[in-house]
Amino acid sequence: MKKSIHTVHNSEKSRWENKVQGNSKPLSFHHTKENALDRAEKIAGKTNAEHFIHGKNGKIQERNSYGNDPFPPRG
């Protein structure tokens, strides 16, 4: 099972962090959400992971998957 990457806001440290699901330490941290998203997309693309983008309120705003997506999608 591949792990997911989550882009989340850390309000205590006023920064955006990319975390791998199941790990407490951030994979990377950034001053802007845009920079965090760029980095997370590169990592997710290389590892065929899913990328969850959270807002400052913690709710998932967007979800992207990279890698072997079935085509056509089931649905």
N, C-alpha and C. Protein backbone atom coordinates (compact mmCIF):
# COMPACT_ATOMS: atom_id res chain seq x y z
N MET A 1 0.84 -1.19 0.00
CA MET A 1 0.00 0.00 0.00
C MET A 1 0.89 1.25 0.00
N LYS A 2 0.62 2.13 -0.93
CA LYS A 2 1.41 3.36 -0.99
C LYS A 2 0.89 4.36 0.04
N LYS A 3 1.77 5.21 0.49
CA LYS A 3 1.39 6.21 1.48
C LYS A 3 0.97 7.49 0.79
N SER A 4 0.18 8.26 1.48
CA SER A 4 -0.32 9.53 0.96
C SER A 4 0.50 10.68 1.51
N ILE A 5 0.52 11.76 0.74
CA ILE A 5 1.18 13.00 1.17
C ILE A 5 0.09 14.02 1.47
N HIS A 6 0.20 14.66 2.61
CA HIS A 6 -0.77 15.66 3.03
C HIS A 6 -0.06 17.01 3.16
N THR A 7 -0.61 18.03 2.52
CA THR A 7 -0.14 19.40 2.69
C THR A 7 -1.05 20.06 3.71
N VAL A 8 -0.48 20.44 4.85
CA VAL A 8 -1.27 20.97 5.97
C VAL A 8 -0.63 22.25 6.50
N HIS A 9 -1.44 23.07 7.16
CA HIS A 9 -0.94 24.29 7.77
C HIS A 9 -0.65 24.04 9.24
N ASN A 10 0.52 24.44 9.69
CA ASN A 10 0.90 24.35 11.10
C ASN A 10 0.77 25.76 11.67
N SER A 11 -0.33 26.01 12.37
CA SER A 11 -0.58 27.37 12.87
C SER A 11 0.36 27.75 14.01
N GLU A 12 0.86 26.78 14.75
CA GLU A 12 1.80 27.08 15.84
C GLU A 12 3.11 27.64 15.32
N LYS A 13 3.54 27.14 14.16
CA LYS A 13 4.81 27.58 13.58
C LYS A 13 4.62 28.49 12.37
N SER A 14 3.38 28.80 12.05
CA SER A 14 3.04 29.68 10.92
C SER A 14 3.73 29.25 9.63
N ARG A 15 3.54 27.98 9.29
CA ARG A 15 4.14 27.48 8.05
C ARG A 15 3.28 26.35 7.48
N TRP A 16 3.53 26.04 6.21
CA TRP A 16 2.87 24.92 5.53
C TRP A 16 3.81 23.74 5.54
N GLU A 17 3.26 22.55 5.80
CA GLU A 17 4.08 21.35 5.89
C GLU A 17 3.55 20.26 4.97
N ASN A 18 4.45 19.47 4.43
CA ASN A 18 4.09 18.27 3.69
C ASN A 18 4.44 17.09 4.59
N LYS A 19 3.44 16.25 4.84
CA LYS A 19 3.65 15.11 5.72
C LYS A 19 3.25 13.83 4.99
N VAL A 20 4.00 12.77 5.26
CA VAL A 20 3.65 11.46 4.75
C VAL A 20 2.73 10.82 5.77
N GLN A 21 1.64 10.24 5.28
CA GLN A 21 0.67 9.62 6.17
C GLN A 21 1.36 8.62 7.09
N GLY A 22 1.11 8.74 8.38
CA GLY A 22 1.69 7.84 9.37
C GLY A 22 2.96 8.35 10.01
N ASN A 23 3.54 9.41 9.49
CA ASN A 23 4.75 10.01 10.07
C ASN A 23 4.39 11.31 10.78
N SER A 24 4.95 11.51 11.96
CA SER A 24 4.64 12.74 12.69
C SER A 24 5.52 13.90 12.25
N LYS A 25 6.72 13.61 11.78
CA LYS A 25 7.63 14.69 11.35
C LYS A 25 7.32 15.09 9.91
N PRO A 26 7.39 16.39 9.62
CA PRO A 26 7.13 16.84 8.25
C PRO A 26 8.24 16.42 7.29
N LEU A 27 7.83 16.11 6.07
CA LEU A 27 8.76 15.79 5.00
C LEU A 27 9.46 17.06 4.53
N SER A 28 8.69 18.16 4.48
CA SER A 28 9.24 19.47 4.13
C SER A 28 8.33 20.53 4.73
N PHE A 29 8.86 21.75 4.87
CA PHE A 29 8.04 22.86 5.36
C PHE A 29 8.37 24.11 4.57
N HIS A 30 7.34 24.99 4.45
CA HIS A 30 7.44 26.13 3.55
C HIS A 30 6.69 27.33 4.14
N HIS A 31 7.10 28.51 3.71
CA HIS A 31 6.44 29.74 4.18
C HIS A 31 5.14 30.00 3.43
N THR A 32 5.01 29.47 2.22
CA THR A 32 3.77 29.69 1.47
C THR A 32 3.15 28.35 1.07
N LYS A 33 1.85 28.36 0.93
CA LYS A 33 1.13 27.16 0.50
C LYS A 33 1.54 26.77 -0.91
N GLU A 34 1.74 27.77 -1.75
CA GLU A 34 2.13 27.53 -3.14
C GLU A 34 3.44 26.74 -3.23
N ASN A 35 4.44 27.13 -2.44
CA ASN A 35 5.72 26.42 -2.43
C ASN A 35 5.56 24.99 -1.90
N ALA A 36 4.72 24.84 -0.88
CA ALA A 36 4.48 23.50 -0.32
C ALA A 36 3.81 22.60 -1.35
N LEU A 37 2.86 23.16 -2.11
CA LEU A 37 2.16 22.38 -3.13
C LEU A 37 3.10 21.96 -4.24
N ASP A 38 3.96 22.86 -4.68
CA ASP A 38 4.93 22.52 -5.73
C ASP A 38 5.80 21.35 -5.31
N ARG A 39 6.30 21.40 -4.10
CA ARG A 39 7.18 20.33 -3.60
C ARG A 39 6.41 19.02 -3.45
N ALA A 40 5.21 19.08 -2.90
CA ALA A 40 4.41 17.87 -2.68
C ALA A 40 4.05 17.20 -4.01
N GLU A 41 3.73 18.00 -5.03
CA GLU A 41 3.38 17.44 -6.33
C GLU A 41 4.57 16.71 -6.94
N LYS A 42 5.76 17.25 -6.79
CA LYS A 42 6.97 16.59 -7.31
C LYS A 42 7.20 15.26 -6.59
N ILE A 43 7.06 15.27 -5.28
CA ILE A 43 7.27 14.04 -4.50
C ILE A 43 6.20 13.00 -4.85
N ALA A 44 4.95 13.42 -4.90
CA ALA A 44 3.86 12.50 -5.21
C ALA A 44 4.01 11.91 -6.61
N GLY A 45 4.46 12.72 -7.55
CA GLY A 45 4.67 12.24 -8.91
C GLY A 45 5.75 11.19 -8.99
N LYS A 46 6.82 11.36 -8.23
CA LYS A 46 7.93 10.40 -8.24
C LYS A 46 7.58 9.10 -7.52
N THR A 47 6.70 9.18 -6.53
CA THR A 47 6.38 8.01 -5.71
C THR A 47 5.02 7.40 -6.01
N ASN A 48 4.32 7.95 -7.01
CA ASN A 48 2.97 7.48 -7.37
C ASN A 48 2.02 7.51 -6.18
N ALA A 49 2.08 8.58 -5.41
CA ALA A 49 1.28 8.71 -4.19
C ALA A 49 0.04 9.56 -4.44
N GLU A 50 -0.87 9.52 -3.48
CA GLU A 50 -2.00 10.44 -3.48
C GLU A 50 -1.60 11.67 -2.69
N HIS A 51 -2.11 12.82 -3.11
CA HIS A 51 -1.78 14.09 -2.47
C HIS A 51 -3.07 14.72 -1.97
N PHE A 52 -3.16 14.95 -0.68
CA PHE A 52 -4.31 15.59 -0.06
C PHE A 52 -3.91 17.01 0.32
N ILE A 53 -4.70 17.98 -0.12
CA ILE A 53 -4.43 19.39 0.16
C ILE A 53 -5.46 19.87 1.17
N HIS A 54 -4.97 20.32 2.31
CA HIS A 54 -5.84 20.79 3.39
C HIS A 54 -5.82 22.32 3.44
N GLY A 55 -6.93 22.90 3.88
CA GLY A 55 -6.98 24.34 4.11
C GLY A 55 -6.47 24.65 5.51
N LYS A 56 -6.43 25.93 5.84
CA LYS A 56 -5.98 26.33 7.18
C LYS A 56 -6.89 25.77 8.27
N ASN A 57 -8.15 25.48 7.93
CA ASN A 57 -9.09 24.93 8.90
C ASN A 57 -8.92 23.42 9.07
N GLY A 58 -8.03 22.80 8.29
CA GLY A 58 -7.76 21.37 8.41
C GLY A 58 -8.58 20.49 7.49
N LYS A 59 -9.61 21.06 6.86
CA LYS A 59 -10.46 20.26 5.97
C LYS A 59 -9.78 20.05 4.63
N ILE A 60 -10.02 18.87 4.05
CA ILE A 60 -9.45 18.56 2.74
C ILE A 60 -10.15 19.41 1.68
N GLN A 61 -9.36 20.14 0.91
CA GLN A 61 -9.88 20.99 -0.16
C GLN A 61 -9.80 20.31 -1.51
N GLU A 62 -8.78 19.48 -1.67
CA GLU A 62 -8.53 18.86 -2.97
C GLU A 62 -7.75 17.57 -2.75
N ARG A 63 -7.93 16.65 -3.70
CA ARG A 63 -7.22 15.37 -3.64
C ARG A 63 -6.77 15.01 -5.05
N ASN A 64 -5.50 14.70 -5.20
CA ASN A 64 -4.94 14.33 -6.50
C ASN A 64 -4.19 13.02 -6.36
N SER A 65 -4.27 12.19 -7.39
CA SER A 65 -3.50 10.95 -7.38
C SER A 65 -2.53 10.96 -8.55
N TYR A 66 -1.40 10.35 -8.33
CA TYR A 66 -0.34 10.30 -9.34
C TYR A 66 0.05 8.84 -9.54
N GLY A 67 0.26 8.46 -10.77
CA GLY A 67 0.72 7.11 -11.02
C GLY A 67 -0.24 6.30 -11.85
N ASN A 68 -0.52 5.10 -11.42
CA ASN A 68 -1.27 4.14 -12.20
C ASN A 68 -2.77 4.25 -11.96
N ASP A 69 -3.37 5.31 -12.45
CA ASP A 69 -4.81 5.46 -12.36
C ASP A 69 -5.46 4.64 -13.47
N PRO A 70 -6.53 3.90 -13.16
CA PRO A 70 -7.20 3.12 -14.20
C PRO A 70 -7.89 4.04 -15.20
N PHE A 71 -7.85 3.65 -16.47
CA PHE A 71 -8.55 4.40 -17.49
C PHE A 71 -9.31 3.42 -18.35
N PRO A 72 -10.56 3.59 -18.59
CA PRO A 72 -11.38 4.68 -18.07
C PRO A 72 -11.69 4.49 -16.58
N PRO A 73 -11.93 5.60 -15.88
CA PRO A 73 -12.24 5.49 -14.46
C PRO A 73 -13.58 4.79 -14.24
N ARG A 74 -13.66 4.07 -13.13
CA ARG A 74 -14.93 3.42 -12.80
C ARG A 74 -15.91 4.47 -12.31
N GLY A 75 -17.17 4.24 -12.64
CA GLY A 75 -17.98 5.21 -12.13
C GLY A 75 -19.31 5.51 -12.14
